[in-house]
Amino acid sequence: MTKPLAEKIALVTGASRGIGYATALALAQAGAHVIAVARTVGGLEELDDAIQAAGGTATLVPLDLTDHDGIARLALVLDDRYGHLDILVANAGQLGPVTPVPHVEVKEFDTLMQVNVTANLQLLRCFDALLRRADAGRVVFVSSGAAHAGRAYRGPYAISKAALEAMARTYAAETVTTPMRVNVCNPGPTRTKMRAALMPGEDPKTVQPPEEAAAAIVSLCLPGFQETGRLFDLRAGRLLHYNPPD
């Protein structure tokens, strides 16, 4: 039986743990060859073992996404090896400082924006041509309900995710006449290391495992999925349409 993503090339950032790990494994199980990008070599090696055990294949790329030249070099390597990129899952992110907005150190804020926003801009700059060459290029940005909630003390993270969503919507509008589809996924409360740092007293069993978020993200990567410029809210279980363009 042919797998839905057989012969597809999928790049996942933040693939060494949490939602990125689960998504990379799910994409491999669906037949894609996964380009797994993360800073943590040990986590990538564990992912590779899991993918191989599932009968899939992966290429491990230890890379800090603030290394813009490194992202550019990776794009050149993939261009030379494959000539295109079918799927980009932009998942990597940081929580940043949890503090009142007036207390946020500018240096800490800049570091957070570099990871959560600027790195994703560089991914689009470097991989746009490869995605456009795919028969059905798919881009999924992993966001958060924080982008819309405005909760106290979570300002930096919320600001970065709101900016990420604006970038995604804009890119979707710019590619709407192509076969590419660009969407955002809000996975909701998920059992991750970041969640544990934010909610140290929470019982992890009360929130969903990352595999549930991964399944939703993979569904947005399928060639048959035709919506673009949408926000998929996993808790609501549906696509939420942003405001229509003016």
C-alpha atoms as a PDB file:
ATOM      1  CA  MET A   1       0.000   0.000   0.000  1.00  0.00           C
ATOM      2  CA  THR A   2       1.452   3.377  -1.047  1.00  0.00           C
ATOM      3  CA  LYS A   3       2.046   5.795   1.799  1.00  0.00           C
ATOM      4  CA  PRO A   4       0.519   9.277   1.354  1.00  0.00           C
ATOM      5  CA  LEU A   5       3.881  11.069   1.481  1.00  0.00           C
ATOM      6  CA  ALA A   6       5.990   8.502  -0.361  1.00  0.00           C
ATOM      7  CA  GLU A   7       8.971  10.080  -2.141  1.00  0.00           C
ATOM      8  CA  LYS A   8       8.327  13.462  -0.497  1.00  0.00           C
ATOM      9  CA  ILE A   9      11.127  15.461   1.129  1.00  0.00           C
ATOM     10  CA  ALA A  10      10.121  17.076   4.422  1.00  0.00           C
ATOM     11  CA  LEU A  11      12.184  19.455   6.557  1.00  0.00           C
ATOM     12  CA  VAL A  12      11.258  19.817  10.237  1.00  0.00           C
ATOM     13  CA  THR A  13      12.893  22.317  12.594  1.00  0.00           C
ATOM     14  CA  GLY A  14      13.113  21.719  16.321  1.00  0.00           C
ATOM     15  CA  ALA A  15      13.003  17.992  15.540  1.00  0.00           C
ATOM     16  CA  SER A  16      14.961  16.699  18.533  1.00  0.00           C
ATOM     17  CA  ARG A  17      12.069  16.747  21.015  1.00  0.00           C
ATOM     18  CA  GLY A  18       8.409  17.502  21.641  1.00  0.00           C
ATOM     19  CA  ILE A  19       6.120  18.385  18.764  1.00  0.00           C
ATOM     20  CA  GLY A  20       8.999  18.564  16.276  1.00  0.00           C
ATOM     21  CA  TYR A  21      10.182  15.061  17.180  1.00  0.00           C
ATOM     22  CA  ALA A  22       6.678  13.613  16.972  1.00  0.00           C
ATOM     23  CA  THR A  23       5.988  15.387  13.668  1.00  0.00           C
ATOM     24  CA  ALA A  24       9.239  14.234  12.090  1.00  0.00           C
ATOM     25  CA  LEU A  25       8.460  10.639  13.088  1.00  0.00           C
ATOM     26  CA  ALA A  26       4.877  10.883  11.810  1.00  0.00           C
ATOM     27  CA  LEU A  27       6.028  12.318   8.475  1.00  0.00           C
ATOM     28  CA  ALA A  28       8.540   9.480   8.110  1.00  0.00           C
ATOM     29  CA  GLN A  29       5.840   6.940   8.938  1.00  0.00           C
ATOM     30  CA  ALA A  30       3.731   8.526   6.181  1.00  0.00           C
ATOM     31  CA  GLY A  31       6.545   7.871   3.720  1.00  0.00           C
ATOM     32  CA  ALA A  32       8.493  11.137   3.613  1.00  0.00           C
ATOM     33  CA  HIS A  33      12.257  11.348   3.847  1.00  0.00           C
ATOM     34  CA  VAL A  34      12.765  13.702   6.782  1.00  0.00           C
ATOM     35  CA  ILE A  35      15.423  16.394   7.026  1.00  0.00           C
ATOM     36  CA  ALA A  36      15.537  16.727  10.812  1.00  0.00           C
ATOM     37  CA  VAL A  37      16.991  20.024  12.037  1.00  0.00           C
ATOM     38  CA  ALA A  38      17.801  20.794  15.683  1.00  0.00           C
ATOM     39  CA  ARG A  39      20.601  21.895  17.966  1.00  0.00           C
ATOM     40  CA  THR A  40      20.607  18.757  20.143  1.00  0.00           C
ATOM     41  CA  VAL A  41      22.573  15.946  18.520  1.00  0.00           C
ATOM     42  CA  GLY A  42      21.479  13.326  21.059  1.00  0.00           C
ATOM     43  CA  GLY A  43      17.812  14.047  20.420  1.00  0.00           C
ATOM     44  CA  LEU A  44      18.332  13.839  16.674  1.00  0.00           C
ATOM     45  CA  GLU A  45      20.050  10.484  17.043  1.00  0.00           C
ATOM     46  CA  GLU A  46      17.152   9.162  19.136  1.00  0.00           C
ATOM     47  CA  LEU A  47      14.769  10.393  16.439  1.00  0.00           C
ATOM     48  CA  ASP A  48      16.788   8.650  13.747  1.00  0.00           C
ATOM     49  CA  ASP A  49      16.605   5.379  15.685  1.00  0.00           C
ATOM     50  CA  ALA A  50      12.818   5.740  16.002  1.00  0.00           C
ATOM     51  CA  ILE A  51      12.408   6.552  12.304  1.00  0.00           C
ATOM     52  CA  GLN A  52      14.541   3.603  11.247  1.00  0.00           C
ATOM     53  CA  ALA A  53      12.576   1.306  13.562  1.00  0.00           C
ATOM     54  CA  ALA A  54       9.411   2.507  11.816  1.00  0.00           C
ATOM     55  CA  GLY A  55      10.916   1.697   8.415  1.00  0.00           C
ATOM     56  CA  GLY A  56      11.540   5.331   7.466  1.00  0.00           C
ATOM     57  CA  THR A  57      14.567   7.405   6.544  1.00  0.00           C
ATOM     58  CA  ALA A  58      16.004  10.685   7.772  1.00  0.00           C
ATOM     59  CA  THR A  59      18.922  13.049   7.339  1.00  0.00           C
ATOM     60  CA  LEU A  60      20.103  14.633  10.580  1.00  0.00           C
ATOM     61  CA  VAL A  61      21.170  18.288  10.528  1.00  0.00           C
ATOM     62  CA  PRO A  62      22.589  19.670  13.796  1.00  0.00           C
ATOM     63  CA  LEU A  63      22.028  23.393  13.310  1.00  0.00           C
ATOM     64  CA  ASP A  64      21.270  26.436  15.420  1.00  0.00           C
ATOM     65  CA  LEU A  65      18.629  28.376  13.492  1.00  0.00           C
ATOM     66  CA  THR A  66      20.221  31.677  14.457  1.00  0.00           C
ATOM     67  CA  ASP A  67      23.028  30.604  12.108  1.00  0.00           C
ATOM     68  CA  HIS A  68      21.596  32.249   8.999  1.00  0.00           C
ATOM     69  CA  ASP A  69      24.528  31.208   6.863  1.00  0.00           C
ATOM     70  CA  GLY A  70      23.997  27.634   8.019  1.00  0.00           C
ATOM     71  CA  ILE A  71      20.388  27.741   6.816  1.00  0.00           C
ATOM     72  CA  ALA A  72      21.554  29.067   3.460  1.00  0.00           C
ATOM     73  CA  ARG A  73      24.142  26.286   3.163  1.00  0.00           C
ATOM     74  CA  LEU A  74      21.508  23.680   3.967  1.00  0.00           C
ATOM     75  CA  ALA A  75      19.280  25.026   1.195  1.00  0.00           C
ATOM     76  CA  LEU A  76      22.152  24.746  -1.285  1.00  0.00           C
ATOM     77  CA  VAL A  77      22.804  21.140  -0.233  1.00  0.00           C
ATOM     78  CA  LEU A  78      19.138  20.175  -0.621  1.00  0.00           C
ATOM     79  CA  ASP A  79      18.977  21.962  -3.975  1.00  0.00           C
ATOM     80  CA  ASP A  80      21.973  19.984  -5.185  1.00  0.00           C
ATOM     81  CA  ARG A  81      20.701  16.665  -3.807  1.00  0.00           C
ATOM     82  CA  TYR A  82      16.951  16.842  -4.465  1.00  0.00           C
ATOM     83  CA  GLY A  83      16.248  19.982  -6.503  1.00  0.00           C
ATOM     84  CA  HIS A  84      13.087  20.732  -4.529  1.00  0.00           C
ATOM     85  CA  LEU A  85      11.479  20.618  -1.076  1.00  0.00           C
ATOM     86  CA  ASP A  86       7.950  19.252  -0.626  1.00  0.00           C
ATOM     87  CA  ILE A  87       7.265  20.097   3.011  1.00  0.00           C
ATOM     88  CA  LEU A  88       8.568  22.636   5.516  1.00  0.00           C
ATOM     89  CA  VAL A  89       7.376  22.379   9.122  1.00  0.00           C
ATOM     90  CA  ALA A  90       8.652  25.457  10.977  1.00  0.00           C
ATOM     91  CA  ASN A  91       8.326  24.243  14.530  1.00  0.00           C
ATOM     92  CA  ALA A  92      11.429  25.369  16.441  1.00  0.00           C
ATOM     93  CA  GLY A  93      10.839  28.042  19.043  1.00  0.00           C
ATOM     94  CA  GLN A  94      11.756  29.372  22.459  1.00  0.00           C
ATOM     95  CA  LEU A  95       9.598  30.461  25.390  1.00  0.00           C
ATOM     96  CA  GLY A  96      11.716  33.492  26.263  1.00  0.00           C
ATOM     97  CA  PRO A  97      11.417  35.536  29.455  1.00  0.00           C
ATOM     98  CA  VAL A  98       8.220  35.184  31.490  1.00  0.00           C
ATOM     99  CA  THR A  99       7.964  38.626  33.042  1.00  0.00           C
ATOM    100  CA  PRO A 100       5.993  41.888  32.823  1.00  0.00           C
ATOM    101  CA  VAL A 101       6.563  43.639  29.505  1.00  0.00           C
ATOM    102  CA  PRO A 102       8.298  46.695  31.053  1.00  0.00           C
ATOM    103  CA  HIS A 103      10.797  44.342  32.712  1.00  0.00           C
ATOM    104  CA  VAL A 104      11.833  42.534  29.540  1.00  0.00           C
ATOM    105  CA  GLU A 105      15.515  42.975  28.727  1.00  0.00           C
ATOM    106  CA  VAL A 106      15.988  44.112  25.136  1.00  0.00           C
ATOM    107  CA  LYS A 107      18.795  41.601  24.587  1.00  0.00           C
ATOM    108  CA  GLU A 108      16.592  38.707  25.729  1.00  0.00           C
ATOM    109  CA  PHE A 109      13.759  39.941  23.521  1.00  0.00           C
ATOM    110  CA  ASP A 110      16.057  40.201  20.505  1.00  0.00           C
ATOM    111  CA  THR A 111      17.300  36.644  21.086  1.00  0.00           C
ATOM    112  CA  LEU A 112      13.719  35.350  21.257  1.00  0.00           C
ATOM    113  CA  MET A 113      12.729  37.150  18.062  1.00  0.00           C
ATOM    114  CA  GLN A 114      15.819  35.811  16.306  1.00  0.00           C
ATOM    115  CA  VAL A 115      14.678  32.241  16.980  1.00  0.00           C
ATOM    116  CA  ASN A 116      10.895  32.557  16.724  1.00  0.00           C
ATOM    117  CA  VAL A 117      10.655  35.046  13.852  1.00  0.00           C
ATOM    118  CA  THR A 118      13.871  35.957  12.048  1.00  0.00           C
ATOM    119  CA  ALA A 119      15.011  32.347  11.649  1.00  0.00           C
ATOM    120  CA  ASN A 120      11.688  31.524  10.000  1.00  0.00           C
ATOM    121  CA  LEU A 121      12.085  34.475   7.656  1.00  0.00           C
ATOM    122  CA  GLN A 122      15.490  33.101   6.685  1.00  0.00           C
ATOM    123  CA  LEU A 123      13.955  29.665   6.096  1.00  0.00           C
ATOM    124  CA  LEU A 124      11.489  31.206   3.654  1.00  0.00           C
ATOM    125  CA  ARG A 125      14.207  33.274   1.984  1.00  0.00           C
ATOM    126  CA  CYS A 126      16.364  30.213   1.426  1.00  0.00           C
ATOM    127  CA  PHE A 127      13.751  27.524   0.704  1.00  0.00           C
ATOM    128  CA  ASP A 128      11.119  29.454  -1.255  1.00  0.00           C
ATOM    129  CA  ALA A 129      12.550  28.445  -4.635  1.00  0.00           C
ATOM    130  CA  LEU A 130      12.780  24.790  -3.613  1.00  0.00           C
ATOM    131  CA  LEU A 131       9.196  24.769  -2.298  1.00  0.00           C
ATOM    132  CA  ARG A 132       7.912  26.345  -5.521  1.00  0.00           C
ATOM    133  CA  ARG A 133       9.539  23.567  -7.535  1.00  0.00           C
ATOM    134  CA  ALA A 134       7.581  20.896  -5.671  1.00  0.00           C
ATOM    135  CA  ASP A 135       4.386  19.523  -7.205  1.00  0.00           C
ATOM    136  CA  ALA A 136       2.476  20.376  -4.028  1.00  0.00           C
ATOM    137  CA  GLY A 137       4.669  22.376  -1.653  1.00  0.00           C
ATOM    138  CA  ARG A 138       3.349  22.539   1.886  1.00  0.00           C
ATOM    139  CA  VAL A 139       4.466  24.899   4.679  1.00  0.00           C
ATOM    140  CA  VAL A 140       3.187  24.657   8.242  1.00  0.00           C
ATOM    141  CA  PHE A 141       4.165  27.157  10.924  1.00  0.00           C
ATOM    142  CA  VAL A 142       3.659  25.981  14.508  1.00  0.00           C
ATOM    143  CA  SER A 143       2.211  28.828  16.547  1.00  0.00           C
ATOM    144  CA  SER A 144       0.409  29.126  19.874  1.00  0.00           C
ATOM    145  CA  GLY A 145      -2.815  30.398  21.342  1.00  0.00           C
ATOM    146  CA  ALA A 146      -0.591  32.934  23.129  1.00  0.00           C
ATOM    147  CA  ALA A 147      -0.549  34.926  19.895  1.00  0.00           C
ATOM    148  CA  HIS A 148      -4.199  35.832  20.481  1.00  0.00           C
ATOM    149  CA  ALA A 149      -4.663  35.562  24.266  1.00  0.00           C
ATOM    150  CA  GLY A 150      -2.595  38.452  25.659  1.00  0.00           C
ATOM    151  CA  ARG A 151      -1.985  36.756  29.004  1.00  0.00           C
ATOM    152  CA  ALA A 152       0.042  38.548  31.665  1.00  0.00           C
ATOM    153  CA  TYR A 153       3.788  37.904  31.814  1.00  0.00           C
ATOM    154  CA  ARG A 154       3.884  36.000  28.504  1.00  0.00           C
ATOM    155  CA  GLY A 155       4.276  39.074  26.333  1.00  0.00           C
ATOM    156  CA  PRO A 156       7.539  38.316  24.532  1.00  0.00           C
ATOM    157  CA  TYR A 157       6.442  34.832  23.451  1.00  0.00           C
ATOM    158  CA  ALA A 158       2.993  36.105  22.427  1.00  0.00           C
ATOM    159  CA  ILE A 159       4.506  38.962  20.423  1.00  0.00           C
ATOM    160  CA  SER A 160       6.844  36.590  18.589  1.00  0.00           C
ATOM    161  CA  LYS A 161       4.054  34.168  17.694  1.00  0.00           C
ATOM    162  CA  ALA A 162       1.774  36.982  16.524  1.00  0.00           C
ATOM    163  CA  ALA A 163       4.584  38.157  14.241  1.00  0.00           C
ATOM    164  CA  LEU A 164       5.102  34.598  12.996  1.00  0.00           C
ATOM    165  CA  GLU A 165       1.426  34.281  12.107  1.00  0.00           C
ATOM    166  CA  ALA A 166       1.506  37.602  10.236  1.00  0.00           C
ATOM    167  CA  MET A 167       4.466  36.306   8.255  1.00  0.00           C
ATOM    168  CA  ALA A 168       2.647  33.073   7.456  1.00  0.00           C
ATOM    169  CA  ARG A 169      -0.515  34.849   6.289  1.00  0.00           C
ATOM    170  CA  THR A 170       1.486  37.195   4.108  1.00  0.00           C
ATOM    171  CA  TYR A 171       3.480  34.365   2.542  1.00  0.00           C
ATOM    172  CA  ALA A 172       0.257  32.440   1.929  1.00  0.00           C
ATOM    173  CA  ALA A 173      -1.205  35.456   0.116  1.00  0.00           C
ATOM    174  CA  GLU A 174       1.930  35.777  -1.993  1.00  0.00           C
ATOM    175  CA  THR A 175       1.796  32.118  -3.051  1.00  0.00           C
ATOM    176  CA  VAL A 176      -1.966  31.689  -3.403  1.00  0.00           C
ATOM    177  CA  THR A 177      -1.792  31.320  -7.209  1.00  0.00           C
ATOM    178  CA  THR A 178       0.802  28.531  -6.952  1.00  0.00           C
ATOM    179  CA  PRO A 179       0.348  24.878  -5.946  1.00  0.00           C
ATOM    180  CA  MET A 180       1.912  25.751  -2.566  1.00  0.00           C
ATOM    181  CA  ARG A 181      -0.220  25.798   0.575  1.00  0.00           C
ATOM    182  CA  VAL A 182       0.856  27.715   3.667  1.00  0.00           C
ATOM    183  CA  ASN A 183      -0.909  27.304   6.994  1.00  0.00           C
ATOM    184  CA  VAL A 184      -0.507  27.757  10.740  1.00  0.00           C
ATOM    185  CA  CYS A 185      -1.182  25.188  13.451  1.00  0.00           C
ATOM    186  CA  ASN A 186      -2.007  26.093  17.038  1.00  0.00           C
ATOM    187  CA  PRO A 187      -1.544  22.760  18.833  1.00  0.00           C
ATOM    188  CA  GLY A 188      -2.975  23.971  22.133  1.00  0.00           C
ATOM    189  CA  PRO A 189      -1.679  22.757  25.524  1.00  0.00           C
ATOM    190  CA  THR A 190       0.789  19.959  24.766  1.00  0.00           C
ATOM    191  CA  ARG A 191       3.051  17.772  26.883  1.00  0.00           C
ATOM    192  CA  THR A 192       6.420  19.353  26.064  1.00  0.00           C
ATOM    193  CA  LYS A 193       9.500  20.580  27.906  1.00  0.00           C
ATOM    194  CA  MET A 194       8.497  24.177  27.130  1.00  0.00           C
ATOM    195  CA  ARG A 195       5.049  23.638  28.636  1.00  0.00           C
ATOM    196  CA  ALA A 196       6.596  22.100  31.761  1.00  0.00           C
ATOM    197  CA  ALA A 197       8.849  25.146  32.186  1.00  0.00           C
ATOM    198  CA  LEU A 198       5.870  27.493  31.891  1.00  0.00           C
ATOM    199  CA  MET A 199       3.507  25.431  34.071  1.00  0.00           C
ATOM    200  CA  PRO A 200       5.736  23.614  36.600  1.00  0.00           C
ATOM    201  CA  GLY A 201       2.851  22.544  38.841  1.00  0.00           C
ATOM    202  CA  GLU A 202       0.735  21.071  36.061  1.00  0.00           C
ATOM    203  CA  ASP A 203       0.162  17.326  35.821  1.00  0.00           C
ATOM    204  CA  PRO A 204       1.501  16.490  32.337  1.00  0.00           C
ATOM    205  CA  LYS A 205      -1.116  13.756  31.972  1.00  0.00           C
ATOM    206  CA  THR A 206      -3.822  16.448  31.857  1.00  0.00           C
ATOM    207  CA  VAL A 207      -2.574  17.809  28.516  1.00  0.00           C
ATOM    208  CA  GLN A 208      -2.327  16.096  25.154  1.00  0.00           C
ATOM    209  CA  PRO A 209       0.814  14.250  24.064  1.00  0.00           C
ATOM    210  CA  PRO A 210       2.784  15.746  21.153  1.00  0.00           C
ATOM    211  CA  GLU A 211       1.663  12.914  18.881  1.00  0.00           C
ATOM    212  CA  GLU A 212      -1.791  14.500  18.659  1.00  0.00           C
ATOM    213  CA  ALA A 213      -0.336  17.778  17.440  1.00  0.00           C
ATOM    214  CA  ALA A 214       1.881  15.863  15.019  1.00  0.00           C
ATOM    215  CA  ALA A 215      -1.103  14.109  13.457  1.00  0.00           C
ATOM    216  CA  ALA A 216      -2.809  17.465  12.844  1.00  0.00           C
ATOM    217  CA  ILE A 217       0.342  18.963  11.323  1.00  0.00           C
ATOM    218  CA  VAL A 218       0.823  15.991   8.991  1.00  0.00           C
ATOM    219  CA  SER A 219      -2.750  16.381   7.757  1.00  0.00           C
ATOM    220  CA  LEU A 220      -1.886  19.935   6.666  1.00  0.00           C
ATOM    221  CA  CYS A 221       1.110  18.572   4.723  1.00  0.00           C
ATOM    222  CA  LEU A 222      -0.823  16.148   2.525  1.00  0.00           C
ATOM    223  CA  PRO A 223      -0.998  16.904  -1.218  1.00  0.00           C
ATOM    224  CA  GLY A 224      -4.786  16.725  -1.078  1.00  0.00           C
ATOM    225  CA  PHE A 225      -5.083  19.489   1.517  1.00  0.00           C
ATOM    226  CA  GLN A 226      -6.001  22.592  -0.455  1.00  0.00           C
ATOM    227  CA  GLU A 227      -6.699  25.326   2.109  1.00  0.00           C
ATOM    228  CA  THR A 228      -4.087  28.060   2.453  1.00  0.00           C
ATOM    229  CA  GLY A 229      -3.561  31.023   4.735  1.00  0.00           C
ATOM    230  CA  ARG A 230      -5.547  29.370   7.525  1.00  0.00           C
ATOM    231  CA  LEU A 231      -5.087  28.752  11.225  1.00  0.00           C
ATOM    232  CA  PHE A 232      -5.785  25.209  12.379  1.00  0.00           C
ATOM    233  CA  ASP A 233      -6.729  25.244  16.033  1.00  0.00           C
ATOM    234  CA  LEU A 234      -6.322  21.710  17.376  1.00  0.00           C
ATOM    235  CA  ARG A 235      -8.376  22.351  20.496  1.00  0.00           C
ATOM    236  CA  ALA A 236     -11.270  23.669  18.397  1.00  0.00           C
ATOM    237  CA  GLY A 237     -10.691  20.864  15.900  1.00  0.00           C
ATOM    238  CA  ARG A 238     -11.183  23.021  12.839  1.00  0.00           C
ATOM    239  CA  LEU A 239      -9.646  25.537  10.484  1.00  0.00           C
ATOM    240  CA  LEU A 240     -10.222  29.104  11.572  1.00  0.00           C
ATOM    241  CA  HIS A 241     -10.311  31.660   8.757  1.00  0.00           C
ATOM    242  CA  TYR A 242      -8.372  34.830   9.394  1.00  0.00           C
ATOM    243  CA  ASN A 243     -10.002  38.125   8.522  1.00  0.00           C
ATOM    244  CA  PRO A 244     -10.431  38.434   4.735  1.00  0.00           C
ATOM    245  CA  PRO A 245      -7.971  40.717   2.937  1.00  0.00           C
ATOM    246  CA  ASP A 246      -8.987  44.341   2.355  1.00  0.00           C
END
